[in-house]
Every structure is written in C-alpha cells, then in structure tokens.
Protein backbone atom coordinates (compact mmCIF):
# COMPACT_ATOMS: atom_id res chain seq x y z
CA MET A 1 0.00 0.01 -0.02
CA LYS A 2 1.39 3.42 -1.00
CA SER A 3 2.01 6.00 1.76
CA ASN A 4 0.11 9.49 1.62
CA VAL A 5 3.32 10.98 3.08
CA ILE A 6 6.70 11.37 1.29
CA VAL A 7 10.00 12.30 2.82
CA GLU A 8 11.87 15.29 1.32
CA ARG A 9 15.47 16.56 1.92
CA ALA A 10 15.68 20.14 3.04
CA PRO A 11 18.71 22.38 1.87
CA ASP A 12 20.58 21.72 5.11
CA GLY A 13 20.20 17.83 4.65
CA SER A 14 17.56 17.41 7.40
CA ALA A 15 14.44 15.31 6.64
CA ARG A 16 11.05 16.56 6.50
CA LEU A 17 7.58 15.45 5.66
CA SER A 18 5.17 16.70 3.03
CA VAL A 19 1.64 15.69 2.31
CA SER A 20 1.24 13.85 -1.20
CA ALA A 21 -0.79 15.20 -3.90
CA ARG A 22 -3.32 12.36 -3.11
CA GLN A 23 -3.75 13.66 0.43
CA ARG A 24 -4.27 17.14 -0.80
CA ARG A 25 -7.03 15.71 -3.05
CA PHE A 26 -8.54 13.96 -0.12
CA ASN A 27 -8.72 17.28 1.77
CA ARG A 28 -10.24 19.12 -1.11
CA ILE A 29 -13.02 16.24 -1.46
CA GLY A 30 -13.48 16.66 2.30
CA LEU A 31 -13.96 20.43 2.03
CA MET A 32 -16.29 20.02 -1.02
CA PHE A 33 -18.66 17.72 1.05
CA ALA A 34 -18.43 20.14 4.08
CA SER A 35 -19.02 23.03 2.02
CA PRO A 36 -22.76 23.17 2.20
CA TRP A 37 -22.70 23.22 5.86
CA ILE A 38 -19.88 25.90 5.87
CA ILE A 39 -21.76 28.09 3.45
CA GLY A 40 -25.10 27.56 5.46
CA PHE A 41 -23.14 28.57 8.61
CA LEU A 42 -21.61 31.65 7.42
CA CYS A 43 -24.76 32.99 5.46
CA PHE A 44 -27.40 32.08 8.01
CA THR A 45 -25.46 32.38 11.33
CA ILE A 46 -22.33 34.43 11.08
CA VAL A 47 -23.85 37.19 8.65
CA PRO A 48 -27.11 37.63 10.55
CA VAL A 49 -25.34 37.98 13.88
CA GLY A 50 -22.89 40.52 12.50
CA MET A 51 -25.83 42.33 10.84
CA ALA A 52 -27.83 42.24 14.24
CA ILE A 53 -24.72 43.76 15.97
CA TYR A 54 -24.36 46.58 13.35
CA TYR A 55 -28.11 47.31 13.46
CA SER A 56 -28.26 47.51 17.12
CA PHE A 57 -26.28 50.90 16.70
CA THR A 58 -28.77 52.44 14.19
CA ASN A 59 -32.33 53.46 14.15
CA TYR A 60 -32.92 50.99 11.34
CA ASP A 61 -36.73 51.01 10.56
CA LEU A 62 -36.72 47.91 8.16
CA PHE A 63 -37.27 49.94 5.19
CA SER A 64 -35.19 53.07 4.65
CA ARG A 65 -33.83 54.76 7.92
CA GLN A 66 -30.32 53.55 8.98
CA ASP A 67 -28.84 56.51 11.09
CA TRP A 68 -25.92 55.65 13.37
CA VAL A 69 -27.19 56.13 17.01
CA TRP A 70 -24.38 54.48 18.80
CA PHE A 71 -25.54 53.24 22.14
CA GLN A 72 -28.92 55.04 22.33
CA ASN A 73 -30.86 51.75 21.59
CA TYR A 74 -29.18 50.16 24.67
CA VAL A 75 -29.83 53.16 26.77
CA ASP A 76 -33.67 53.07 25.77
CA ILE A 77 -33.81 49.50 26.53
CA PHE A 78 -32.94 49.92 30.18
CA HIS A 79 -35.53 52.81 30.57
CA ASP A 80 -38.30 50.50 28.94
CA ARG A 81 -40.79 49.21 31.45
CA TYR A 82 -41.88 46.38 29.28
CA ILE A 83 -38.49 45.10 29.01
CA TRP A 84 -38.30 44.49 32.71
CA LYS A 85 -41.83 42.86 32.70
CA SER A 86 -40.75 40.76 29.79
CA LEU A 87 -37.66 39.67 31.52
CA GLY A 88 -39.51 38.80 34.58
CA ASN A 89 -41.81 36.68 32.70
CA THR A 90 -39.15 34.93 30.97
CA MET A 91 -37.30 34.13 34.11
CA TYR A 92 -40.21 32.75 35.68
CA VAL A 93 -40.77 30.19 33.02
CA THR A 94 -36.97 29.27 32.82
CA LEU A 95 -36.59 28.97 36.61
CA ILE A 96 -39.76 26.83 36.80
CA GLY A 97 -40.28 25.33 33.68
CA THR A 98 -36.71 24.02 33.16
CA PRO A 99 -36.45 21.88 36.44
CA LEU A 100 -39.98 20.89 36.26
CA GLY A 101 -39.82 19.71 32.71
CA GLN A 102 -36.60 17.63 33.43
CA VAL A 103 -37.83 15.96 36.53
CA VAL A 104 -40.98 14.76 34.49
CA ALA A 105 -38.89 13.79 31.49
CA LEU A 106 -36.45 11.77 33.70
CA ALA A 107 -39.38 10.16 35.74
CA LEU A 108 -40.95 9.16 32.38
CA ALA A 109 -37.62 7.57 31.09
CA LEU A 110 -37.22 5.66 34.43
CA LEU A 111 -40.68 4.21 34.05
CA LEU A 112 -39.95 3.12 30.39
CA ASN A 113 -36.55 1.96 31.10
CA GLN A 114 -38.25 -1.41 32.56
CA ARG A 115 -37.10 -4.40 30.51
CA ARG A 116 -39.33 -7.06 32.14
CA ILE A 117 -42.78 -5.34 31.39
CA LYS A 118 -44.54 -6.28 28.31
CA GLY A 119 -45.70 -3.56 25.74
CA ILE A 120 -43.02 -1.09 26.79
CA PRO A 121 -42.46 0.02 23.16
CA VAL A 122 -46.09 1.00 23.03
CA PHE A 123 -46.04 3.28 25.92
CA ARG A 124 -42.71 4.92 24.59
CA THR A 125 -44.40 5.76 21.51
CA LEU A 126 -47.52 7.06 23.22
CA PHE A 127 -45.35 9.46 25.57
CA TYR A 128 -43.45 10.73 22.57
CA LEU A 129 -46.44 11.43 20.15
CA PRO A 130 -47.16 14.94 21.68
CA THR A 131 -43.75 15.97 20.53
CA LEU A 132 -44.73 15.30 16.99
CA VAL A 133 -47.79 17.66 17.20
CA PRO A 134 -46.76 21.10 15.81
CA ILE A 135 -46.39 23.61 18.58
CA VAL A 136 -49.31 25.83 17.13
CA ALA A 137 -51.71 22.90 16.96
CA SER A 138 -50.70 22.00 20.49
CA SER A 139 -51.36 25.72 21.68
CA MET A 140 -54.67 25.55 20.11
CA LEU A 141 -55.51 22.33 21.54
CA PHE A 142 -54.69 23.54 25.16
CA MET A 143 -56.82 26.52 24.62
CA TRP A 144 -59.51 23.91 25.01
CA VAL A 145 -58.03 21.97 27.66
CA LEU A 146 -57.28 24.97 29.84
CA ASN A 147 -60.64 26.81 29.30
CA GLY A 148 -61.84 28.12 32.60
CA ASN A 149 -65.54 27.36 32.10
CA HIS A 150 -65.57 23.96 30.31
CA GLY A 151 -61.98 22.93 29.84
CA LEU A 152 -60.78 19.29 30.39
CA LEU A 153 -58.25 20.21 33.07
CA ASN A 154 -60.94 22.06 35.19
CA THR A 155 -63.45 19.36 34.63
CA VAL A 156 -61.24 16.73 36.08
CA LEU A 157 -60.31 18.95 38.84
CA GLY A 158 -63.95 19.32 39.47
CA TRP A 159 -64.43 15.58 40.02
CA PHE A 160 -62.26 15.98 43.17
CA GLY A 161 -64.06 19.17 44.48
CA ILE A 162 -61.21 21.50 43.39
CA PRO A 163 -62.31 24.65 41.69
CA GLY A 164 -60.23 25.23 38.65
CA PRO A 165 -58.89 28.77 37.91
CA TYR A 166 -59.29 30.66 34.63
CA TRP A 167 -56.00 29.48 33.30
CA LEU A 168 -55.91 31.75 30.27
CA SER A 169 -57.50 35.00 31.73
CA ASP A 170 -56.02 35.17 35.16
CA PRO A 171 -52.69 36.78 34.95
CA LYS A 172 -51.70 34.59 38.07
CA PHE A 173 -52.00 31.47 36.29
CA THR A 174 -51.18 32.17 32.55
CA LYS A 175 -47.58 31.44 32.76
CA MET A 176 -48.34 28.12 34.67
CA ALA A 177 -50.70 27.08 31.62
CA LEU A 178 -47.92 27.53 29.45
CA ILE A 179 -45.71 25.34 31.70
CA ILE A 180 -48.25 22.62 31.91
CA MET A 181 -48.44 22.42 28.05
CA ASP A 182 -44.55 22.44 27.71
CA VAL A 183 -44.42 19.63 30.55
CA TRP A 184 -46.99 17.55 28.16
CA ARG A 185 -44.37 17.94 25.27
CA CYS A 186 -41.51 16.51 27.29
CA GLY A 187 -41.09 13.40 24.84
CA THR A 188 -37.78 14.60 23.35
CA GLY A 189 -36.13 14.97 26.64
CA MET A 190 -37.57 11.57 27.74
CA ILE A 191 -36.05 9.85 24.86
CA ILE A 192 -32.67 11.43 25.39
CA TYR A 193 -32.77 10.43 29.08
CA LEU A 194 -33.91 6.93 28.13
CA ALA A 195 -31.08 6.49 25.95
CA ALA A 196 -28.63 7.78 28.81
CA LEU A 197 -30.31 5.21 31.18
CA ARG A 198 -29.97 2.38 28.72
CA SER A 199 -26.09 3.13 28.69
CA VAL A 200 -25.43 2.57 32.17
CA PRO A 201 -23.69 -0.88 32.75
CA GLU A 202 -25.93 -3.37 34.27
CA THR A 203 -22.94 -4.68 36.35
CA PHE A 204 -23.08 -1.32 38.34
CA TYR A 205 -26.72 -2.25 39.54
CA GLU A 206 -25.74 -5.85 40.20
CA ALA A 207 -22.86 -5.18 42.44
CA ALA A 208 -24.72 -2.52 44.37
CA GLU A 209 -27.78 -4.92 44.69
CA LEU A 210 -25.40 -7.59 46.08
CA ASP A 211 -24.18 -4.88 48.79
CA GLY A 212 -27.74 -4.40 49.89
CA ALA A 213 -28.29 -1.03 48.12
CA GLY A 214 -32.18 -0.38 47.52
CA PRO A 215 -33.57 1.23 44.48
CA VAL A 216 -33.38 4.65 45.87
CA ARG A 217 -29.82 4.47 46.99
CA ARG A 218 -29.01 2.88 43.38
CA PHE A 219 -30.64 5.75 41.84
CA PHE A 220 -28.68 8.58 43.71
CA SER A 221 -25.38 6.58 43.85
CA ILE A 222 -25.37 5.05 40.19
CA THR A 223 -27.99 6.26 37.88
CA LEU A 224 -27.60 10.11 38.57
CA PRO A 225 -23.86 10.04 38.41
CA CYS A 226 -23.95 8.05 35.33
CA ILE A 227 -26.29 10.25 33.35
CA SER A 228 -24.93 13.74 34.90
CA PRO A 229 -23.58 14.59 31.48
CA THR A 230 -27.05 14.14 29.56
CA ILE A 231 -28.66 16.00 32.55
CA GLU A 232 -26.27 18.89 32.32
CA PHE A 233 -26.94 19.00 28.37
CA GLN A 234 -30.70 18.88 28.91
CA VAL A 235 -30.75 21.56 31.55
CA VAL A 236 -28.57 23.92 29.37
CA MET A 237 -30.65 23.26 26.15
CA SER A 238 -33.95 23.60 27.89
CA MET A 239 -32.85 26.81 29.67
CA ILE A 240 -31.68 28.33 26.29
CA SER A 241 -35.26 27.14 24.87
CA HIS A 242 -37.04 28.93 27.51
CA PHE A 243 -35.04 32.15 27.12
CA GLN A 244 -36.36 32.07 23.49
CA TYR A 245 -39.94 31.57 24.40
CA PHE A 246 -42.30 32.84 21.80
CA THR A 247 -44.69 30.51 19.83
CA GLN A 248 -46.77 29.43 22.72
CA ALA A 249 -47.08 32.81 24.39
CA TYR A 250 -47.86 34.48 21.04
CA VAL A 251 -50.84 31.98 20.37
CA PHE A 252 -52.13 32.03 23.75
CA ALA A 253 -51.76 35.96 24.03
CA SER A 254 -53.91 36.15 20.83
CA LEU A 255 -57.05 35.34 22.96
CA THR A 256 -56.94 38.73 24.47
CA ASP A 257 -57.23 42.21 23.28
CA MET A 258 -53.81 43.30 21.72
CA SER A 259 -54.23 46.83 22.54
CA ASN A 260 -53.82 46.02 26.18
CA GLY A 261 -50.20 47.27 27.04
CA ALA A 262 -47.53 45.47 24.83
CA GLY A 263 -49.92 42.78 23.75
CA GLY A 264 -48.81 40.19 26.09
CA GLY A 265 -52.13 38.68 27.41
CA PRO A 266 -53.95 39.57 30.62
CA GLY A 267 -51.77 42.11 32.37
CA ASN A 268 -48.96 41.33 30.02
CA SER A 269 -48.38 38.15 31.98
CA MET A 270 -47.42 36.48 28.83
CA LEU A 271 -45.22 39.08 27.51
CA PHE A 272 -41.94 37.13 27.13
CA TYR A 273 -38.64 38.77 25.89
CA CYS A 274 -38.71 37.33 22.39
CA LEU A 275 -42.34 38.09 22.02
CA TYR A 276 -41.80 41.76 22.83
CA LEU A 277 -38.78 41.80 20.49
CA TYR A 278 -40.83 40.57 17.68
CA ARG A 279 -43.40 43.17 18.35
CA LYS A 280 -40.80 45.71 18.25
CA ALA A 281 -39.36 44.59 14.99
CA PHE A 282 -42.22 43.57 12.89
CA LEU A 283 -45.24 45.66 14.35
CA GLN A 284 -43.48 48.88 15.34
CA TYR A 285 -40.75 48.46 12.69
CA LYS A 286 -38.01 49.44 15.24
CA MET A 287 -35.51 46.99 13.82
CA GLY A 288 -32.46 48.76 15.43
CA TYR A 289 -34.08 48.53 18.73
CA ALA A 290 -34.98 44.84 18.27
CA SER A 291 -31.39 44.07 17.20
CA ALA A 292 -30.06 45.59 20.42
CA MET A 293 -32.69 43.36 22.42
CA ALA A 294 -31.25 40.32 20.54
CA VAL A 295 -27.68 41.17 21.38
CA LEU A 296 -28.63 41.58 25.01
CA LEU A 297 -30.59 38.25 24.95
CA ALA A 298 -27.45 36.43 23.53
CA ILE A 299 -25.41 38.01 26.20
CA ILE A 300 -27.83 36.78 28.88
CA VAL A 301 -27.84 33.33 27.48
CA ILE A 302 -24.01 32.99 27.37
CA VAL A 303 -23.71 34.34 30.85
CA ALA A 304 -26.52 31.88 32.33
CA THR A 305 -24.96 29.06 30.48
CA ALA A 306 -21.47 29.73 31.71
CA ILE A 307 -22.95 29.93 35.22
CA VAL A 308 -24.72 26.52 34.74
CA MET A 309 -21.51 24.96 33.39
CA TYR A 310 -19.50 26.25 36.23
CA PHE A 311 -21.45 25.06 39.01
CA SER A 312 -21.98 21.66 37.44
CA GLU A 313 -18.29 21.07 36.78
CA LYS A 314 -17.82 19.45 39.97
CA SER A 315 -20.95 17.31 39.88
CA VAL A 316 -20.77 15.99 36.37
CA ASN A 317 -19.12 12.71 35.76
CA TYR A 318 -17.52 12.04 32.46
CA ASP A 319 -15.51 8.93 33.31
CA VAL A 320 -18.24 6.27 32.89
CA GLU A 321 -17.85 4.38 29.75
C-alpha cells in the first residue's frame, strides 16, 4: 500500500515530511462535502449575527432609515418598563419550567426503562407522540384543555371538588398554563434520558444490589452520576429554549385584546422577551431597537450557560464508559 506521506530533504540535509498530492486531493474532497454546511453557517449564522450587532447601533426601521445612533438603543432598553416585565416573565418560565420539565422527562424515562414489562415500546411511542404535534396545534388544543369554564383540566379537577382557575385569563395562572403544556411535550427529553439510562452498565446495579443497596440508593449513587452529562446537556438546552420562548405565548396571548399594554395577554403576564422583541421589530418597525434586544439576549444566554457549566463542573461525571 502506498503511503500518503513522502520524505523530502531540506537544503541543510535534514528530513522533513510533506503531504502527497493524493492527500491534498482528499482534503479538497472533504472540504467540498463540508461546503454546504460551511456556506450555510456563514450565510445564516455569522452574517445575521454581524448584521444584528451592526443594526443595534442604528435606528434602522426595516425600510429606509439607518442612521448611526451609537448606544442609544441600549440606553432606551434600560428605560423601557416592558423590558423588565418581559424579562421577569421569561425568568419565571425558565426557573420553574426547566427543572419541572427535566424532572418529569427523567421520571418517565425511568418508568419506560423497565425491561421486564411487556408493551413498553407502545408506551414509549404514546409518551413521545405529543412532541410530534406542531407547537401551534398544541397551543390551540390547550386553549380548550385549559378553558376556565368547560376545559378538560378544570372538569377533571371538579371531580375531586377542586375549583379550577381561569388559566388563560387570570394573570396569576397564565404562565403556569404555558408550563403545563410544555411538560406535556417533554417527549424529546424523555427519549434522550432513556438513551442515557440504557447506556448505564448493568454490572453497576448488580454489584450495588449484592451490597444491599435499595432502588433509591442505586438511583442516587449510580444512575444520577452516570447520566449527569446528559442532565447537564438537557438543562442547558432547555434553559436556552425557555429564554427564546415565543410561539406558545404568541398563540395564547392572541386570545386577549392586543391593545392592552404591549400585547402580552392579561396584564402582560405572557409578554416574554422574544415576543416583545418580535413586536418591536415587525409591528413597530424598530429593527435597530429589536437588534439591540437580540444582542442583550445573546449575552444573557451566554452568561447563564456559563454559570450553569461552572456550578455543574464538580458534579458532572465524564468517566463512565
């Protein structure tokens, strides 16, 4: 077999290695196959990010105006009362929805990881099906489920003598209604956790069982450490997703009068950061202002992710094979 590397002699007599023409051809072929992704990354990620940063220093109105205003957009953001309302709502669903969704997804994965029960594949499919429903269709479905007068959830609560609230019109419960729908759509996280659980060596559980460890002890001493990298990944991705909360809130808020405040539902209780950004950009045509909001959101996400990674560094175990 011919080698792809040939030895050449330098002028001083020392030997050096150079890549053959065949290897260079392989490199060109590899770049050719990777070029669609590289071009897409440059055109649809790097260029839009650069344009957003540039527009954030202008008063661009999406059509004609593009005057340089330096940091005025950022100054206006910190004086916008709806910004703080939207950040508060976003932090609410992030801090409550992220851990709640992960707990439910992991609990379902643990139940569906039973190997001795027949029909488990059927249950896995049933629990994953809600994820396949488009998010707009899910939102429309939950408008009926969470209806305060004759919704399915309040009907079930009424069977136990519990008066159900007006989930979609009471500002105290609108965000919790969104979280309930998100928990219902936790099938993707469940599948990822299930794959992580299946990769835990059975010998670990057998050795712990011989030592007298019960199910709870095995879960905290074996299962959690072994799947800790997956938990870290899931938490970070869920947190980023909640910071970008938009579609559900947009559909739910459409039930109320959009002239109320900033169009974020009852008492602007569903005015999330990305929803407010969308309204600034495409309803008020303040694209420069919206670009500044997008830059600040990116900074917030980066800082939050760094904090999570820092505090999880000592608890995440990457040594399990």
